[in-house]
Amino acid sequence: MLSSKIELGIRALRSSDGRKLLKDLGVRNALNLLFGRQSSISFGSRSIKFMRSELVLYLSLVLHIRRLENLGFKITANSQGVVIDGYPYLQEPLLFRMDSQFNRVAFNNALQLLMNYYEYGGFVVDKSMKPPRKGIALDLNKMIVTTYEGINFFLQDIDPWTFTETFLLNIHESEVKGKTVIDVGAQAGDTALYFASKGAEKVYAVEPIQTNFSALIRNLQLNPALSGKIIPIKVAVGQSGKLLLKYDPSPTGLSGNASGFSDKGKVTEEVESYTLGDLLEKQGIPSVDVLKMDCKGCEWLLTKEDIEKVNQQIEIQWSFGNRQRVSSLLQLLQAEGFKTRIFMQNPGIDAKIDQYGTIIAER
């Protein structure tokens, strides 16, 4: 039987960051890093130590630090904490204070945001400046990131990639002003707050996983001007009754892979679940204008009756797909008068488009 450390190490290597690390370091160096006697990251006289259960976070931080250094950034330490210098548009180096308030998940997420925004043409400025279009501002005292739209998020309460998709790559752009939106798979609230900032009249933010839902609530509390438009609902969508969701812990602290349609995952969570039609009826909503779904398999359970309740646009980010499933879903949408197009929204996914992709359907 595998030891707990080896099992955790194998899981870490199977993660997206693990595959990148194997590519960057080579197999031998990556294995030495993961299975060495001590897991720690050192910055001069300072170090961050990790327990066995934190290997995925450790791996993620090692990867982000290495990749930032390869991009030309200088990462050092002083008496106050870790300093990152060389980032364009920053008036002074970034300082991550390593005091009693230091949060390793927030540190990891900030590093990934720096990397994402550099690689995909965004801008990062310090808290004293208003973020430019396609930009964010980092307040490392409060560990808050602010978007161009003026939306605030706790750094420990985001998934850096879905945040980048929403606010830099702008994959959810649609006409929502004055509209009712249902956001299935709201995670930490990035898309719900995005839709509210674009003028949606009401956003129903549906998220079943407790850690994600708690992060969503905290991020809503940071944005009182927008949160009044958003109704958070802690349920799953797909079928009515109890549903067992499985997922693996993430270095971001959130889960972006929870699914009731996969047998993979170290963590199991039982949640309430409804069909889309039953959920709308329970909320007293006759119809919605825009439906966004990112729910790792629940999209395959959509019915004709569900789709009839959507007036304007459906955005589906599908997972666990195959050619037959995608074709059947497209036919169902087209039969209800929607014009459809598909694309791969995530350049980091190494998969065929019939396995993972996005459908945009518009009347």
Protein backbone atom coordinates (compact mmCIF):
# COMPACT_ATOMS: atom_id res chain seq x y z
CA MET A 1 0.00 0.00 0.00
CA LEU A 2 1.31 3.46 -0.91
CA SER A 3 2.35 5.75 1.92
CA SER A 4 0.24 8.87 2.41
CA LYS A 5 3.03 11.12 1.16
CA ILE A 6 3.56 9.12 -2.03
CA GLU A 7 -0.19 9.00 -2.67
CA LEU A 8 -0.46 12.76 -2.17
CA GLY A 9 2.59 13.30 -4.35
CA ILE A 10 1.11 11.26 -7.19
CA ARG A 11 -2.13 13.23 -6.91
CA ALA A 12 -0.14 16.46 -7.02
CA LEU A 13 1.74 15.36 -10.13
CA ARG A 14 -1.52 14.48 -11.84
CA SER A 15 -2.84 18.02 -11.28
CA SER A 16 -2.45 20.60 -14.04
CA ASP A 17 0.35 22.29 -12.08
CA GLY A 18 2.03 18.93 -11.60
CA ARG A 19 2.13 18.24 -15.31
CA LYS A 20 3.61 21.70 -15.91
CA LEU A 21 6.22 21.12 -13.23
CA LEU A 22 7.23 17.78 -14.76
CA LYS A 23 7.68 19.55 -18.07
CA ASP A 24 9.68 22.43 -16.54
CA LEU A 25 11.90 20.46 -14.15
CA GLY A 26 12.03 16.99 -15.60
CA VAL A 27 10.84 13.83 -13.88
CA ARG A 28 13.82 13.27 -11.55
CA ASN A 29 13.92 16.83 -10.18
CA ALA A 30 10.16 16.98 -9.76
CA LEU A 31 10.13 13.68 -7.83
CA ASN A 32 13.01 14.83 -5.61
CA LEU A 33 11.11 18.03 -4.91
CA LEU A 34 7.93 16.22 -3.92
CA PHE A 35 9.35 13.26 -2.04
CA GLY A 36 12.26 14.92 -0.29
CA ARG A 37 12.53 14.77 3.48
CA GLN A 38 11.32 18.33 3.94
CA SER A 39 8.85 20.35 1.90
CA SER A 40 9.72 24.03 2.15
CA ILE A 41 10.35 27.09 0.03
CA SER A 42 13.19 29.38 1.07
CA PHE A 43 13.71 33.08 0.37
CA GLY A 44 17.07 33.94 1.88
CA SER A 45 16.71 33.52 5.64
CA ARG A 46 12.92 33.07 5.38
CA SER A 47 11.10 29.88 4.52
CA ILE A 48 7.58 28.54 4.18
CA LYS A 49 7.12 24.97 5.41
CA PHE A 50 4.39 22.59 4.29
CA MET A 51 2.79 19.52 5.84
CA ARG A 52 2.24 16.33 3.84
CA SER A 53 -1.41 17.23 3.28
CA GLU A 54 -0.31 20.51 1.63
CA LEU A 55 1.76 19.04 -1.20
CA VAL A 56 -0.55 20.37 -3.91
CA LEU A 57 -0.24 23.93 -2.53
CA TYR A 58 3.53 23.47 -2.18
CA LEU A 59 3.79 22.23 -5.76
CA SER A 60 1.70 25.12 -7.05
CA LEU A 61 3.84 27.72 -5.28
CA VAL A 62 7.10 26.16 -6.49
CA LEU A 63 5.80 26.19 -10.06
CA HIS A 64 4.60 29.81 -9.94
CA ILE A 65 7.83 31.08 -8.39
CA ARG A 66 9.93 29.20 -10.96
CA ARG A 67 7.84 30.44 -13.88
CA LEU A 68 7.91 34.07 -12.67
CA GLU A 69 11.71 33.86 -12.34
CA ASN A 70 11.91 32.42 -15.86
CA LEU A 71 9.89 35.42 -17.08
CA GLY A 72 12.57 37.73 -15.65
CA PHE A 73 11.14 38.69 -12.26
CA LYS A 74 13.39 38.88 -9.22
CA ILE A 75 12.09 37.22 -6.04
CA THR A 76 13.99 37.98 -2.83
CA ALA A 77 13.36 38.47 0.89
CA ASN A 78 13.97 41.27 3.37
CA SER A 79 13.21 41.78 7.04
CA GLN A 80 9.51 42.22 6.29
CA GLY A 81 8.77 39.43 3.83
CA VAL A 82 9.00 38.29 0.21
CA VAL A 83 9.65 40.92 -2.48
CA ILE A 84 8.80 40.56 -6.18
CA ASP A 85 10.45 43.10 -8.47
CA GLY A 86 10.48 43.65 -12.22
CA TYR A 87 6.75 43.58 -12.93
CA PRO A 88 5.78 46.18 -15.59
CA TYR A 89 3.56 49.12 -14.54
CA LEU A 90 4.21 48.70 -10.81
CA GLN A 91 5.57 51.84 -9.20
CA GLU A 92 7.41 49.83 -6.56
CA PRO A 93 8.14 46.14 -5.88
CA LEU A 94 5.42 43.95 -4.41
CA LEU A 95 5.92 43.04 -0.75
CA PHE A 96 4.22 39.98 0.75
CA ARG A 97 4.55 40.45 4.50
CA MET A 98 5.45 37.20 6.28
CA ASP A 99 3.87 38.00 9.63
CA SER A 100 1.12 36.36 11.68
CA GLN A 101 -1.41 37.35 9.01
CA PHE A 102 0.50 35.74 6.13
CA ASN A 103 -1.85 33.53 4.11
CA ARG A 104 -0.17 30.95 1.88
CA VAL A 105 -3.27 30.41 -0.27
CA ALA A 106 -3.56 34.16 -0.89
CA PHE A 107 0.17 34.26 -1.71
CA ASN A 108 -0.24 31.38 -4.18
CA ASN A 109 -3.25 33.01 -5.82
CA ALA A 110 -1.50 36.38 -6.12
CA LEU A 111 1.50 34.75 -7.83
CA GLN A 112 -0.75 32.94 -10.29
CA LEU A 113 -2.61 36.18 -11.07
CA LEU A 114 0.71 37.94 -11.72
CA MET A 115 1.69 35.17 -14.11
CA ASN A 116 -1.70 35.00 -15.85
CA TYR A 117 -1.97 38.75 -16.38
CA TYR A 118 1.60 38.96 -17.68
CA GLU A 119 1.20 36.03 -20.09
CA TYR A 120 -2.25 37.05 -21.44
CA GLY A 121 -1.64 40.77 -21.94
CA GLY A 122 -3.15 42.21 -18.76
CA PHE A 123 -1.90 44.85 -16.34
CA VAL A 124 -1.20 44.72 -12.61
CA VAL A 125 -0.89 47.95 -10.60
CA ASP A 126 -0.58 48.68 -6.89
CA LYS A 127 -3.45 49.72 -4.65
CA SER A 128 -2.76 53.45 -5.07
CA MET A 129 -3.86 53.35 -8.72
CA LYS A 130 -7.17 52.67 -10.45
CA PRO A 131 -6.82 49.52 -12.53
CA PRO A 132 -6.74 50.15 -16.29
CA ARG A 133 -8.95 48.21 -18.68
CA LYS A 134 -7.77 44.58 -18.65
CA GLY A 135 -6.06 45.35 -15.35
CA ILE A 136 -6.20 44.66 -11.63
CA ALA A 137 -4.89 46.40 -8.51
CA LEU A 138 -3.34 44.44 -5.63
CA ASP A 139 -3.63 45.54 -2.01
CA LEU A 140 -1.20 43.22 -0.24
CA ASN A 141 -1.91 44.70 3.19
CA LYS A 142 -5.54 43.64 3.06
CA MET A 143 -4.89 40.80 0.55
CA ILE A 144 -7.57 42.15 -1.81
CA VAL A 145 -7.60 42.31 -5.61
CA THR A 146 -9.68 44.98 -7.39
CA THR A 147 -10.82 44.77 -11.01
CA TYR A 148 -11.18 47.51 -13.62
CA GLU A 149 -14.93 47.43 -12.89
CA GLY A 150 -14.21 48.27 -9.24
CA ILE A 151 -15.10 44.82 -7.90
CA ASN A 152 -13.17 43.64 -4.83
CA PHE A 153 -12.20 40.06 -3.98
CA PHE A 154 -10.24 38.50 -1.15
CA LEU A 155 -7.16 36.90 -2.68
CA GLN A 156 -7.67 33.71 -0.68
CA ASP A 157 -11.26 33.53 -1.98
CA ILE A 158 -10.68 33.31 -5.73
CA ASP A 159 -9.68 30.73 -8.28
CA PRO A 160 -7.00 32.61 -10.25
CA TRP A 161 -7.79 30.94 -13.56
CA THR A 162 -11.58 31.46 -13.50
CA PHE A 163 -10.91 35.03 -12.31
CA THR A 164 -8.62 35.53 -15.32
CA GLU A 165 -11.21 34.05 -17.69
CA THR A 166 -13.86 36.41 -16.36
CA PHE A 167 -12.05 39.73 -16.03
CA LEU A 168 -9.13 39.52 -18.48
CA LEU A 169 -10.20 37.11 -21.22
CA ASN A 170 -13.80 38.34 -20.87
CA ILE A 171 -15.31 34.98 -21.87
CA HIS A 172 -18.71 35.76 -20.29
CA GLU A 173 -19.40 38.93 -22.24
CA SER A 174 -23.11 39.25 -23.06
CA GLU A 175 -25.92 41.79 -22.99
CA VAL A 176 -27.25 41.55 -19.44
CA LYS A 177 -28.28 45.13 -18.65
CA GLY A 178 -31.70 45.05 -17.03
CA LYS A 179 -31.82 41.25 -17.39
CA THR A 180 -32.29 38.30 -15.03
CA VAL A 181 -29.32 35.91 -14.95
CA ILE A 182 -28.97 32.49 -13.36
CA ASP A 183 -25.35 31.55 -12.74
CA VAL A 184 -25.06 27.77 -12.22
CA GLY A 185 -21.61 27.03 -10.81
CA ALA A 186 -21.00 30.47 -9.31
CA GLN A 187 -17.96 29.26 -7.29
CA ALA A 188 -16.58 32.30 -5.39
CA GLY A 189 -18.87 34.85 -7.05
CA ASP A 190 -16.61 36.20 -9.80
CA THR A 191 -19.16 35.71 -12.58
CA ALA A 192 -22.15 36.77 -10.44
CA LEU A 193 -20.42 40.03 -9.51
CA TYR A 194 -19.30 40.49 -13.12
CA PHE A 195 -22.89 40.20 -14.39
CA ALA A 196 -24.13 42.57 -11.68
CA SER A 197 -21.44 45.12 -12.61
CA LYS A 198 -22.61 44.97 -16.25
CA GLY A 199 -26.10 46.04 -15.24
CA ALA A 200 -27.98 42.79 -14.63
CA GLU A 201 -31.16 43.48 -12.67
CA LYS A 202 -30.99 40.22 -10.73
CA VAL A 203 -28.41 37.41 -10.55
CA TYR A 204 -29.14 34.04 -8.96
CA ALA A 205 -25.75 32.65 -7.94
CA VAL A 206 -26.03 28.86 -7.59
CA GLU A 207 -23.16 27.04 -5.88
CA PRO A 208 -23.36 23.69 -4.00
CA ILE A 209 -19.88 23.29 -2.43
CA GLN A 210 -19.63 24.74 1.08
CA THR A 211 -16.05 26.12 0.78
CA ASN A 212 -16.94 27.85 -2.49
CA PHE A 213 -20.25 29.14 -1.15
CA SER A 214 -18.57 30.60 1.96
CA ALA A 215 -16.03 32.38 -0.27
CA LEU A 216 -18.89 33.67 -2.45
CA ILE A 217 -20.60 35.17 0.62
CA ARG A 218 -17.39 36.85 1.80
CA ASN A 219 -16.79 38.36 -1.65
CA LEU A 220 -20.37 39.62 -1.82
CA GLN A 221 -19.88 41.34 1.54
CA LEU A 222 -16.88 43.18 0.03
CA ASN A 223 -19.15 44.66 -2.66
CA PRO A 224 -22.30 46.12 -1.03
CA ALA A 225 -23.15 48.23 -4.08
CA LEU A 226 -23.54 45.08 -6.19
CA SER A 227 -24.48 42.37 -3.71
CA GLY A 228 -28.06 43.63 -3.42
CA LYS A 229 -28.61 42.39 -6.97
CA ILE A 230 -27.30 38.90 -6.21
CA ILE A 231 -29.21 36.05 -4.57
CA PRO A 232 -26.84 33.23 -3.45
CA ILE A 233 -28.38 29.73 -3.49
CA LYS A 234 -26.53 26.73 -2.05
CA VAL A 235 -27.81 23.85 -4.19
CA ALA A 236 -26.70 21.77 -7.16
CA VAL A 237 -28.52 21.71 -10.51
CA GLY A 238 -29.20 18.71 -12.72
CA GLN A 239 -31.55 16.35 -10.95
CA SER A 240 -33.88 16.71 -7.96
CA GLY A 241 -32.98 15.06 -4.64
CA LYS A 242 -29.73 14.44 -2.80
CA LEU A 243 -26.52 14.42 -4.84
CA LEU A 244 -23.02 13.26 -3.90
CA LEU A 245 -20.35 15.56 -5.33
CA LYS A 246 -16.73 14.45 -5.52
CA TYR A 247 -13.72 16.71 -5.87
CA ASP A 248 -10.03 17.04 -5.09
CA PRO A 249 -8.69 19.82 -2.85
CA SER A 250 -7.15 22.67 -4.80
CA PRO A 251 -4.13 24.88 -4.01
CA THR A 252 -6.48 27.85 -4.42
CA GLY A 253 -8.53 26.69 -1.43
CA LEU A 254 -11.62 26.38 -3.63
CA SER A 255 -13.00 23.57 -5.75
CA GLY A 256 -13.41 24.04 -9.47
CA ASN A 257 -13.79 20.35 -10.26
CA ALA A 258 -16.69 19.21 -8.04
CA SER A 259 -18.99 16.88 -9.93
CA GLY A 260 -21.76 14.40 -9.33
CA PHE A 261 -20.99 12.84 -12.68
CA SER A 262 -17.46 11.57 -12.03
CA ASP A 263 -16.16 8.91 -9.65
CA LYS A 264 -12.87 10.77 -9.18
CA GLY A 265 -12.15 12.92 -6.15
CA LYS A 266 -10.76 12.58 -2.64
CA VAL A 267 -13.53 14.61 -0.97
CA THR A 268 -17.24 13.74 -1.05
CA GLU A 269 -19.98 16.23 -0.15
CA GLU A 270 -23.73 15.53 -0.10
CA VAL A 271 -25.86 18.47 -1.31
CA GLU A 272 -29.41 19.34 -2.23
CA SER A 273 -30.05 19.23 -5.96
CA TYR A 274 -32.82 20.37 -8.30
CA THR A 275 -33.55 20.27 -11.99
CA LEU A 276 -33.25 23.73 -13.49
CA GLY A 277 -37.04 23.91 -13.91
CA ASP A 278 -37.68 22.85 -10.30
CA LEU A 279 -35.17 25.40 -8.98
CA LEU A 280 -36.77 28.25 -10.94
CA GLU A 281 -40.21 27.20 -9.70
CA LYS A 282 -38.96 27.05 -6.09
CA GLN A 283 -37.55 30.59 -6.45
CA GLY A 284 -40.75 31.86 -8.06
CA ILE A 285 -39.02 32.69 -11.35
CA PRO A 286 -41.14 32.06 -14.48
CA SER A 287 -38.15 32.52 -16.81
CA VAL A 288 -34.63 33.97 -17.03
CA ASP A 289 -32.94 35.97 -19.74
CA VAL A 290 -29.43 34.51 -19.46
CA LEU A 291 -28.28 31.10 -18.22
CA LYS A 292 -24.61 30.42 -17.52
CA MET A 293 -23.62 26.84 -16.62
CA ASP A 294 -20.22 25.61 -15.43
CA CYS A 295 -21.18 22.62 -13.30
CA LYS A 296 -18.96 19.73 -14.43
CA GLY A 297 -21.55 17.45 -15.99
CA CYS A 298 -24.97 18.76 -14.95
CA GLU A 299 -25.33 20.36 -18.38
CA TRP A 300 -26.00 16.93 -19.90
CA LEU A 301 -29.24 16.73 -17.86
CA LEU A 302 -30.82 19.83 -19.41
CA THR A 303 -34.29 19.14 -20.84
CA LYS A 304 -36.55 20.79 -23.38
CA GLU A 305 -38.64 22.17 -20.50
CA ASP A 306 -35.54 23.71 -18.88
CA ILE A 307 -34.41 25.40 -22.09
CA GLU A 308 -37.87 26.81 -22.76
CA LYS A 309 -37.45 28.93 -19.61
CA VAL A 310 -34.44 30.83 -21.04
CA ASN A 311 -35.35 33.88 -23.15
CA GLN A 312 -32.09 35.19 -24.58
CA GLN A 313 -28.76 33.40 -24.13
CA ILE A 314 -27.30 30.17 -22.75
CA GLU A 315 -23.58 29.78 -22.04
CA ILE A 316 -22.49 26.23 -21.22
CA GLN A 317 -18.94 25.28 -20.27
CA TRP A 318 -19.11 21.53 -20.60
CA SER A 319 -17.02 18.78 -19.01
CA PHE A 320 -16.92 14.98 -19.30
CA GLY A 321 -18.16 15.31 -22.86
CA ASN A 322 -17.98 13.18 -25.95
CA ARG A 323 -19.07 13.70 -29.53
CA GLN A 324 -22.51 12.18 -29.00
CA ARG A 325 -23.27 14.23 -25.88
CA VAL A 326 -22.19 17.50 -27.49
CA SER A 327 -24.14 16.76 -30.67
CA SER A 328 -27.32 15.88 -28.72
CA LEU A 329 -27.10 19.06 -26.62
CA LEU A 330 -26.57 21.22 -29.71
CA GLN A 331 -29.60 19.61 -31.38
CA LEU A 332 -31.72 20.23 -28.28
CA LEU A 333 -30.76 23.92 -28.19
CA GLN A 334 -31.28 24.39 -31.93
CA ALA A 335 -34.71 22.74 -31.77
CA GLU A 336 -35.76 25.48 -29.33
CA GLY A 337 -34.74 28.25 -31.72
CA PHE A 338 -31.21 28.95 -30.47
CA LYS A 339 -28.33 29.65 -32.83
CA THR A 340 -25.22 27.94 -31.48
CA ARG A 341 -21.45 28.16 -31.70
CA ILE A 342 -18.76 26.24 -29.84
CA PHE A 343 -15.18 27.03 -28.88
CA MET A 344 -12.40 26.06 -26.45
CA GLN A 345 -12.29 28.86 -23.87
CA ASN A 346 -9.28 27.65 -21.86
CA PRO A 347 -5.93 27.56 -23.71
CA GLY A 348 -4.42 25.70 -20.75
CA ILE A 349 -6.56 22.57 -21.10
CA ASP A 350 -4.87 19.71 -22.89
CA ALA A 351 -8.01 17.95 -24.18
CA LYS A 352 -10.13 17.54 -27.27
CA ILE A 353 -12.94 20.02 -27.74
CA ASP A 354 -15.60 17.31 -27.50
CA GLN A 355 -14.36 16.63 -23.92
CA TYR A 356 -14.15 20.22 -22.68
CA GLY A 357 -15.46 23.35 -24.35
CA THR A 358 -18.06 26.10 -24.41
CA ILE A 359 -21.40 26.47 -26.17
CA ILE A 360 -22.90 29.90 -26.73
CA ALA A 361 -26.57 29.67 -27.72
CA GLU A 362 -28.58 32.79 -28.60
CA ARG A 363 -32.13 33.42 -29.74
